[in-house]
Amino acid sequence: MYEELDPAWDEAILHVLREYHPNAVSLQTIYSEMKKYRKLREEDLELTRWGEPRYQHVVRAALHNLLEGGYVKRICRGMYTLTK
């Protein structure tokens, strides 16, 4: 399990958001674009008890950190954009 969030996840999310800026990006798009900026390990792709790949949980945790840090803004549920 992930004890501490790898900062590279934050960077990968920011790359995705920059690619679409100034448009908002859906959480599903962020999930699907992760493979462009991170090599997903076998552990990342394991399904959780909720039936989703483990990396999706890590992406949501990283998004939370980016929101708290003021780098990302939630437009509405599941939609994100870079802050100015």
PDB file of N, CA and C in Angstrom:
ATOM      1  N   MET A   1       0.855  -1.178   0.000  1.00  0.00           N
ATOM      2  CA  MET A   1       0.000   0.000   0.000  1.00  0.00           C
ATOM      3  C   MET A   1       0.901   1.241   0.000  1.00  0.00           C
ATOM      4  N   TYR A   2       0.371   2.363  -0.414  1.00  0.00           N
ATOM      5  CA  TYR A   2       1.135   3.600  -0.490  1.00  0.00           C
ATOM      6  C   TYR A   2       1.145   4.275   0.873  1.00  0.00           C
ATOM      7  N   GLU A   3       2.330   4.420   1.451  1.00  0.00           N
ATOM      8  CA  GLU A   3       2.447   5.059   2.752  1.00  0.00           C
ATOM      9  C   GLU A   3       2.559   6.575   2.588  1.00  0.00           C
ATOM     10  N   GLU A   4       3.340   6.992   1.604  1.00  0.00           N
ATOM     11  CA  GLU A   4       3.522   8.408   1.354  1.00  0.00           C
ATOM     12  C   GLU A   4       3.333   8.634  -0.141  1.00  0.00           C
ATOM     13  N   LEU A   5       2.642   9.692  -0.480  1.00  0.00           N
ATOM     14  CA  LEU A   5       2.363   9.956  -1.882  1.00  0.00           C
ATOM     15  C   LEU A   5       3.634  10.392  -2.597  1.00  0.00           C
ATOM     16  N   ASP A   6       3.890   9.789  -3.729  1.00  0.00           N
ATOM     17  CA  ASP A   6       5.043  10.102  -4.556  1.00  0.00           C
ATOM     18  C   ASP A   6       4.771  11.428  -5.274  1.00  0.00           C
ATOM     19  N   PRO A   7       5.654  12.432  -5.126  1.00  0.00           N
ATOM     20  CA  PRO A   7       5.424  13.721  -5.789  1.00  0.00           C
ATOM     21  C   PRO A   7       5.304  13.603  -7.310  1.00  0.00           C
ATOM     22  N   ALA A   8       5.818  12.540  -7.879  1.00  0.00           N
ATOM     23  CA  ALA A   8       5.708  12.365  -9.329  1.00  0.00           C
ATOM     24  C   ALA A   8       4.247  12.243  -9.763  1.00  0.00           C
ATOM     25  N   TRP A   9       3.376  11.762  -8.888  1.00  0.00           N
ATOM     26  CA  TRP A   9       1.948  11.712  -9.223  1.00  0.00           C
ATOM     27  C   TRP A   9       1.399  13.125  -9.383  1.00  0.00           C
ATOM     28  N   ASP A  10       1.787  14.024  -8.479  1.00  0.00           N
ATOM     29  CA  ASP A  10       1.363  15.422  -8.589  1.00  0.00           C
ATOM     30  C   ASP A  10       1.812  16.001  -9.927  1.00  0.00           C
ATOM     31  N   GLU A  11       3.070  15.767 -10.272  1.00  0.00           N
ATOM     32  CA  GLU A  11       3.616  16.288 -11.524  1.00  0.00           C
ATOM     33  C   GLU A  11       2.860  15.737 -12.730  1.00  0.00           C
ATOM     34  N   ALA A  12       2.536  14.463 -12.709  1.00  0.00           N
ATOM     35  CA  ALA A  12       1.806  13.853 -13.830  1.00  0.00           C
ATOM     36  C   ALA A  12       0.431  14.494 -13.978  1.00  0.00           C
ATOM     37  N   ILE A  13      -0.246  14.725 -12.865  1.00  0.00           N
ATOM     38  CA  ILE A  13      -1.565  15.371 -12.917  1.00  0.00           C
ATOM     39  C   ILE A  13      -1.438  16.784 -13.466  1.00  0.00           C
ATOM     40  N   LEU A  14      -0.431  17.516 -13.012  1.00  0.00           N
ATOM     41  CA  LEU A  14      -0.233  18.878 -13.515  1.00  0.00           C
ATOM     42  C   LEU A  14       0.062  18.877 -15.011  1.00  0.00           C
ATOM     43  N   HIS A  15       0.795  17.893 -15.507  1.00  0.00           N
ATOM     44  CA  HIS A  15       1.040  17.786 -16.953  1.00  0.00           C
ATOM     45  C   HIS A  15      -0.281  17.609 -17.706  1.00  0.00           C
ATOM     46  N   VAL A  16      -1.135  16.750 -17.198  1.00  0.00           N
ATOM     47  CA  VAL A  16      -2.434  16.525 -17.850  1.00  0.00           C
ATOM     48  C   VAL A  16      -3.243  17.820 -17.857  1.00  0.00           C
ATOM     49  N   LEU A  17      -3.310  18.487 -16.730  1.00  0.00           N
ATOM     50  CA  LEU A  17      -4.091  19.723 -16.653  1.00  0.00           C
ATOM     51  C   LEU A  17      -3.520  20.811 -17.547  1.00  0.00           C
ATOM     52  N   ARG A  18      -2.186  20.874 -17.651  1.00  0.00           N
ATOM     53  CA  ARG A  18      -1.562  21.862 -18.553  1.00  0.00           C
ATOM     54  C   ARG A  18      -1.904  21.563 -20.011  1.00  0.00           C
ATOM     55  N   GLU A  19      -1.951  20.285 -20.345  1.00  0.00           N
ATOM     56  CA  GLU A  19      -2.258  19.880 -21.717  1.00  0.00           C
ATOM     57  C   GLU A  19      -3.636  20.391 -22.151  1.00  0.00           C
ATOM     58  N   TYR A  20      -4.579  20.444 -21.228  1.00  0.00           N
ATOM     59  CA  TYR A  20      -5.956  20.845 -21.539  1.00  0.00           C
ATOM     60  C   TYR A  20      -6.257  22.295 -21.177  1.00  0.00           C
ATOM     61  N   HIS A  21      -5.338  22.962 -20.501  1.00  0.00           N
ATOM     62  CA  HIS A  21      -5.567  24.329 -20.033  1.00  0.00           C
ATOM     63  C   HIS A  21      -5.891  25.250 -21.197  1.00  0.00           C
ATOM     64  N   PRO A  22      -6.864  26.108 -21.091  1.00  0.00           N
ATOM     65  CA  PRO A  22      -7.590  26.560 -19.906  1.00  0.00           C
ATOM     66  C   PRO A  22      -8.880  25.763 -19.617  1.00  0.00           C
ATOM     67  N   ASN A  23      -9.123  24.719 -20.363  1.00  0.00           N
ATOM     68  CA  ASN A  23     -10.345  23.941 -20.151  1.00  0.00           C
ATOM     69  C   ASN A  23     -10.262  23.090 -18.893  1.00  0.00           C
ATOM     70  N   ALA A  24     -11.415  22.813 -18.321  1.00  0.00           N
ATOM     71  CA  ALA A  24     -11.487  21.904 -17.177  1.00  0.00           C
ATOM     72  C   ALA A  24     -11.328  20.473 -17.687  1.00  0.00           C
ATOM     73  N   VAL A  25     -10.818  19.619 -16.814  1.00  0.00           N
ATOM     74  CA  VAL A  25     -10.540  18.227 -17.176  1.00  0.00           C
ATOM     75  C   VAL A  25     -11.303  17.316 -16.221  1.00  0.00           C
ATOM     76  N   SER A  26     -11.943  16.300 -16.770  1.00  0.00           N
ATOM     77  CA  SER A  26     -12.679  15.363 -15.927  1.00  0.00           C
ATOM     78  C   SER A  26     -11.714  14.407 -15.225  1.00  0.00           C
ATOM     79  N   LEU A  27     -12.147  13.904 -14.101  1.00  0.00           N
ATOM     80  CA  LEU A  27     -11.354  12.926 -13.368  1.00  0.00           C
ATOM     81  C   LEU A  27     -11.091  11.699 -14.235  1.00  0.00           C
ATOM     82  N   GLN A  28     -12.059  11.281 -15.020  1.00  0.00           N
ATOM     83  CA  GLN A  28     -11.881  10.128 -15.905  1.00  0.00           C
ATOM     84  C   GLN A  28     -10.782  10.389 -16.939  1.00  0.00           C
ATOM     85  N   THR A  29     -10.706  11.608 -17.451  1.00  0.00           N
ATOM     86  CA  THR A  29      -9.652  11.954 -18.398  1.00  0.00           C
ATOM     87  C   THR A  29      -8.294  11.934 -17.711  1.00  0.00           C
ATOM     88  N   ILE A  30      -8.225  12.460 -16.503  1.00  0.00           N
ATOM     89  CA  ILE A  30      -6.967  12.431 -15.756  1.00  0.00           C
ATOM     90  C   ILE A  30      -6.518  10.990 -15.583  1.00  0.00           C
ATOM     91  N   TYR A  31      -7.435  10.097 -15.185  1.00  0.00           N
ATOM     92  CA  TYR A  31      -7.093   8.680 -15.038  1.00  0.00           C
ATOM     93  C   TYR A  31      -6.516   8.122 -16.340  1.00  0.00           C
ATOM     94  N   SER A  32      -7.201   8.392 -17.444  1.00  0.00           N
ATOM     95  CA  SER A  32      -6.783   7.782 -18.713  1.00  0.00           C
ATOM     96  C   SER A  32      -5.474   8.377 -19.253  1.00  0.00           C
ATOM     97  N   GLU A  33      -5.171   9.615 -18.893  1.00  0.00           N
ATOM     98  CA  GLU A  33      -3.958  10.273 -19.379  1.00  0.00           C
ATOM     99  C   GLU A  33      -2.728   9.970 -18.523  1.00  0.00           C
ATOM    100  N   MET A  34      -2.912   9.376 -17.380  1.00  0.00           N
ATOM    101  CA  MET A  34      -1.782   9.101 -16.477  1.00  0.00           C
ATOM    102  C   MET A  34      -0.677   8.297 -17.154  1.00  0.00           C
ATOM    103  N   LYS A  35      -1.055   7.360 -18.014  1.00  0.00           N
ATOM    104  CA  LYS A  35      -0.036   6.497 -18.641  1.00  0.00           C
ATOM    105  C   LYS A  35       0.893   7.271 -19.569  1.00  0.00           C
ATOM    106  N   LYS A  36       0.525   8.479 -19.965  1.00  0.00           N
ATOM    107  CA  LYS A  36       1.416   9.308 -20.778  1.00  0.00           C
ATOM    108  C   LYS A  36       2.584   9.846 -19.952  1.00  0.00           C
ATOM    109  N   TYR A  37       2.346  10.052 -18.672  1.00  0.00           N
ATOM    110  CA  TYR A  37       3.321  10.744 -17.833  1.00  0.00           C
ATOM    111  C   TYR A  37       3.910   9.904 -16.712  1.00  0.00           C
ATOM    112  N   ARG A  38       3.364   8.716 -16.497  1.00  0.00           N
ATOM    113  CA  ARG A  38       3.872   7.807 -15.470  1.00  0.00           C
ATOM    114  C   ARG A  38       3.829   6.391 -15.987  1.00  0.00           C
ATOM    115  N   LYS A  39       4.832   5.631 -15.652  1.00  0.00           N
ATOM    116  CA  LYS A  39       4.797   4.203 -15.945  1.00  0.00           C
ATOM    117  C   LYS A  39       3.994   3.558 -14.825  1.00  0.00           C
ATOM    118  N   LEU A  40       2.852   2.977 -15.175  1.00  0.00           N
ATOM    119  CA  LEU A  40       2.012   2.343 -14.169  1.00  0.00           C
ATOM    120  C   LEU A  40       2.534   0.939 -13.908  1.00  0.00           C
ATOM    121  N   ARG A  41       2.880   0.694 -12.661  1.00  0.00           N
ATOM    122  CA  ARG A  41       3.420  -0.602 -12.263  1.00  0.00           C
ATOM    123  C   ARG A  41       2.275  -1.600 -12.102  1.00  0.00           C
ATOM    124  N   GLU A  42       2.638  -2.847 -11.999  1.00  0.00           N
ATOM    125  CA  GLU A  42       1.643  -3.904 -11.803  1.00  0.00           C
ATOM    126  C   GLU A  42       0.823  -3.616 -10.541  1.00  0.00           C
ATOM    127  N   GLU A  43       1.485  -3.166  -9.497  1.00  0.00           N
ATOM    128  CA  GLU A  43       0.804  -2.829  -8.241  1.00  0.00           C
ATOM    129  C   GLU A  43      -0.219  -1.709  -8.452  1.00  0.00           C
ATOM    130  N   ASP A  44       0.116  -0.738  -9.297  1.00  0.00           N
ATOM    131  CA  ASP A  44      -0.795   0.374  -9.574  1.00  0.00           C
ATOM    132  C   ASP A  44      -2.072  -0.104 -10.263  1.00  0.00           C
ATOM    133  N   LEU A  45      -1.952  -1.167 -11.043  1.00  0.00           N
ATOM    134  CA  LEU A  45      -3.084  -1.666 -11.833  1.00  0.00           C
ATOM    135  C   LEU A  45      -3.926  -2.709 -11.104  1.00  0.00           C
ATOM    136  N   GLU A  46      -3.463  -3.157  -9.926  1.00  0.00           N
ATOM    137  CA  GLU A  46      -4.248  -4.134  -9.160  1.00  0.00           C
ATOM    138  C   GLU A  46      -5.595  -3.526  -8.803  1.00  0.00           C
ATOM    139  N   LEU A  47      -6.625  -4.341  -8.846  1.00  0.00           N
ATOM    140  CA  LEU A  47      -7.960  -3.864  -8.501  1.00  0.00           C
ATOM    141  C   LEU A  47      -8.129  -3.829  -6.992  1.00  0.00           C
ATOM    142  N   THR A  48      -8.766  -2.770  -6.517  1.00  0.00           N
ATOM    143  CA  THR A  48      -9.085  -2.654  -5.104  1.00  0.00           C
ATOM    144  C   THR A  48     -10.357  -3.444  -4.821  1.00  0.00           C
ATOM    145  N   ARG A  49     -10.752  -3.465  -3.573  1.00  0.00           N
ATOM    146  CA  ARG A  49     -11.998  -4.180  -3.238  1.00  0.00           C
ATOM    147  C   ARG A  49     -13.225  -3.496  -3.826  1.00  0.00           C
ATOM    148  N   TRP A  50     -13.064  -2.275  -4.304  1.00  0.00           N
ATOM    149  CA  TRP A  50     -14.156  -1.549  -4.958  1.00  0.00           C
ATOM    150  C   TRP A  50     -14.126  -1.734  -6.474  1.00  0.00           C
ATOM    151  N   GLY A  51     -13.201  -2.559  -6.949  1.00  0.00           N
ATOM    152  CA  GLY A  51     -13.140  -2.884  -8.370  1.00  0.00           C
ATOM    153  C   GLY A  51     -12.495  -1.840  -9.254  1.00  0.00           C
ATOM    154  N   GLU A  52     -11.694  -0.945  -8.676  1.00  0.00           N
ATOM    155  CA  GLU A  52     -11.009   0.064  -9.476  1.00  0.00           C
ATOM    156  C   GLU A  52      -9.506  -0.147  -9.369  1.00  0.00           C
ATOM    157  N   PRO A  53      -8.750   0.234 -10.387  1.00  0.00           N
ATOM    158  CA  PRO A  53      -7.294   0.127 -10.295  1.00  0.00           C
ATOM    159  C   PRO A  53      -6.777   0.986  -9.135  1.00  0.00           C
ATOM    160  N   ARG A  54      -5.811   0.480  -8.411  1.00  0.00           N
ATOM    161  CA  ARG A  54      -5.274   1.150  -7.232  1.00  0.00           C
ATOM    162  C   ARG A  54      -4.766   2.560  -7.544  1.00  0.00           C
ATOM    163  N   TYR A  55      -4.214   2.764  -8.740  1.00  0.00           N
ATOM    164  CA  TYR A  55      -3.655   4.088  -9.046  1.00  0.00           C
ATOM    165  C   TYR A  55      -4.716   5.172  -9.034  1.00  0.00           C
ATOM    166  N   GLN A  56      -5.982   4.820  -9.263  1.00  0.00           N
ATOM    167  CA  GLN A  56      -7.033   5.834  -9.248  1.00  0.00           C
ATOM    168  C   GLN A  56      -7.188   6.441  -7.852  1.00  0.00           C
ATOM    169  N   HIS A  57      -7.027   5.628  -6.829  1.00  0.00           N
ATOM    170  CA  HIS A  57      -7.052   6.142  -5.459  1.00  0.00           C
ATOM    171  C   HIS A  57      -5.877   7.101  -5.246  1.00  0.00           C
ATOM    172  N   VAL A  58      -4.711   6.736  -5.754  1.00  0.00           N
ATOM    173  CA  VAL A  58      -3.524   7.573  -5.606  1.00  0.00           C
ATOM    174  C   VAL A  58      -3.721   8.906  -6.337  1.00  0.00           C
ATOM    175  N   VAL A  59      -4.333   8.868  -7.509  1.00  0.00           N
ATOM    176  CA  VAL A  59      -4.610  10.091  -8.267  1.00  0.00           C
ATOM    177  C   VAL A  59      -5.540  11.006  -7.459  1.00  0.00           C
ATOM    178  N   ARG A  60      -6.578  10.439  -6.860  1.00  0.00           N
ATOM    179  CA  ARG A  60      -7.495  11.264  -6.066  1.00  0.00           C
ATOM    180  C   ARG A  60      -6.784  11.876  -4.854  1.00  0.00           C
ATOM    181  N   ALA A  61      -5.906  11.119  -4.223  1.00  0.00           N
ATOM    182  CA  ALA A  61      -5.142  11.646  -3.084  1.00  0.00           C
ATOM    183  C   ALA A  61      -4.218  12.776  -3.542  1.00  0.00           C
ATOM    184  N   ALA A  62      -3.567  12.598  -4.678  1.00  0.00           N
ATOM    185  CA  ALA A  62      -2.679  13.635  -5.218  1.00  0.00           C
ATOM    186  C   ALA A  62      -3.479  14.883  -5.585  1.00  0.00           C
ATOM    187  N   LEU A  63      -4.651  14.696  -6.182  1.00  0.00           N
ATOM    188  CA  LEU A  63      -5.511  15.843  -6.511  1.00  0.00           C
ATOM    189  C   LEU A  63      -5.890  16.604  -5.241  1.00  0.00           C
ATOM    190  N   HIS A  64      -6.195  15.882  -4.191  1.00  0.00           N
ATOM    191  CA  HIS A  64      -6.531  16.526  -2.914  1.00  0.00           C
ATOM    192  C   HIS A  64      -5.364  17.405  -2.444  1.00  0.00           C
ATOM    193  N   ASN A  65      -4.149  16.866  -2.517  1.00  0.00           N
ATOM    194  CA  ASN A  65      -2.970  17.641  -2.115  1.00  0.00           C
ATOM    195  C   ASN A  65      -2.797  18.878  -2.990  1.00  0.00           C
ATOM    196  N   LEU A  66      -3.017  18.727  -4.286  1.00  0.00           N
ATOM    197  CA  LEU A  66      -2.893  19.864  -5.204  1.00  0.00           C
ATOM    198  C   LEU A  66      -3.980  20.911  -4.948  1.00  0.00           C
ATOM    199  N   LEU A  67      -5.172  20.464  -4.602  1.00  0.00           N
ATOM    200  CA  LEU A  67      -6.253  21.389  -4.245  1.00  0.00           C
ATOM    201  C   LEU A  67      -5.885  22.164  -2.983  1.00  0.00           C
ATOM    202  N   GLU A  68      -5.415  21.439  -1.973  1.00  0.00           N
ATOM    203  CA  GLU A  68      -5.026  22.058  -0.706  1.00  0.00           C
ATOM    204  C   GLU A  68      -3.876  23.039  -0.898  1.00  0.00           C
ATOM    205  N   GLY A  69      -2.982  22.737  -1.829  1.00  0.00           N
ATOM    206  CA  GLY A  69      -1.837  23.604  -2.093  1.00  0.00           C
ATOM    207  C   GLY A  69      -2.150  24.782  -2.992  1.00  0.00           C
ATOM    208  N   GLY A  70      -3.361  24.820  -3.540  1.00  0.00           N
ATOM    209  CA  GLY A  70      -3.768  25.939  -4.380  1.00  0.00           C
ATOM    210  C   GLY A  70      -3.322  25.835  -5.834  1.00  0.00           C
ATOM    211  N   TYR A  71      -2.823  24.685  -6.244  1.00  0.00           N
ATOM    212  CA  TYR A  71      -2.370  24.508  -7.628  1.00  0.00           C
ATOM    213  C   TYR A  71      -3.505  24.163  -8.576  1.00  0.00           C
ATOM    214  N   VAL A  72      -4.548  23.563  -8.025  1.00  0.00           N
ATOM    215  CA  VAL A  72      -5.670  23.064  -8.821  1.00  0.00           C
ATOM    216  C   VAL A  72      -6.962  23.560  -8.194  1.00  0.00           C
ATOM    217  N   LYS A  73      -7.956  23.786  -9.039  1.00  0.00           N
ATOM    218  CA  LYS A  73      -9.273  24.214  -8.572  1.00  0.00           C
ATOM    219  C   LYS A  73     -10.305  23.203  -9.053  1.00  0.00           C
ATOM    220  N   ARG A  74     -11.237  22.838  -8.171  1.00  0.00           N
ATOM    221  CA  ARG A  74     -12.352  21.959  -8.547  1.00  0.00           C
ATOM    222  C   ARG A  74     -13.467  22.852  -9.081  1.00  0.00           C
ATOM    223  N   ILE A  75     -13.841  22.619 -10.331  1.00  0.00           N
ATOM    224  CA  ILE A  75     -14.895  23.408 -10.963  1.00  0.00           C
ATOM    225  C   ILE A  75     -16.255  22.914 -10.489  1.00  0.00           C
ATOM    226  N   CYS A  76     -16.423  21.618 -10.506  1.00  0.00           N
ATOM    227  CA  CYS A  76     -17.601  20.936  -9.991  1.00  0.00           C
ATOM    228  C   CYS A  76     -17.165  19.504  -9.728  1.00  0.00           C
ATOM    229  N   ARG A  77     -18.067  18.681  -9.268  1.00  0.00           N
ATOM    230  CA  ARG A  77     -17.688  17.317  -8.940  1.00  0.00           C
ATOM    231  C   ARG A  77     -17.025  16.615 -10.139  1.00  0.00           C
ATOM    232  N   GLY A  78     -15.782  16.168  -9.934  1.00  0.00           N
ATOM    233  CA  GLY A  78     -15.070  15.425 -10.958  1.00  0.00           C
ATOM    234  C   GLY A  78     -14.478  16.239 -12.091  1.00  0.00           C
ATOM    235  N   MET A  79     -14.467  17.580 -11.953  1.00  0.00           N
ATOM    236  CA  MET A  79     -13.910  18.446 -12.989  1.00  0.00           C
ATOM    237  C   MET A  79     -12.883  19.394 -12.348  1.00  0.00           C
ATOM    238  N   TYR A  80     -11.685  19.436 -12.954  1.00  0.00           N
ATOM    239  CA  TYR A  80     -10.576  20.194 -12.354  1.00  0.00           C
ATOM    240  C   TYR A  80      -9.899  21.051 -13.407  1.00  0.00           C
ATOM    241  N   THR A  81      -9.276  22.125 -12.939  1.00  0.00           N
ATOM    242  CA  THR A  81      -8.492  23.010 -13.792  1.00  0.00           C
ATOM    243  C   THR A  81      -7.330  23.575 -12.983  1.00  0.00           C
ATOM    244  N   LEU A  82      -6.329  24.088 -13.677  1.00  0.00           N
ATOM    245  CA  LEU A  82      -5.213  24.747 -13.015  1.00  0.00           C
ATOM    246  C   LEU A  82      -5.683  26.098 -12.487  1.00  0.00           C
ATOM    247  N   THR A  83      -5.083  26.520 -11.388  1.00  0.00           N
ATOM    248  CA  THR A  83      -5.370  27.865 -10.895  1.00  0.00           C
ATOM    249  C   THR A  83      -4.457  28.828 -11.640  1.00  0.00           C
ATOM    250  N   LYS A  84      -4.803  30.090 -11.619  1.00  0.00           N
ATOM    251  CA  LYS A  84      -3.992  31.090 -12.329  1.00  0.00           C
ATOM    252  C   LYS A  84      -2.803  31.478 -11.505  1.00  0.00           C
TER     253      LYS A  84
END
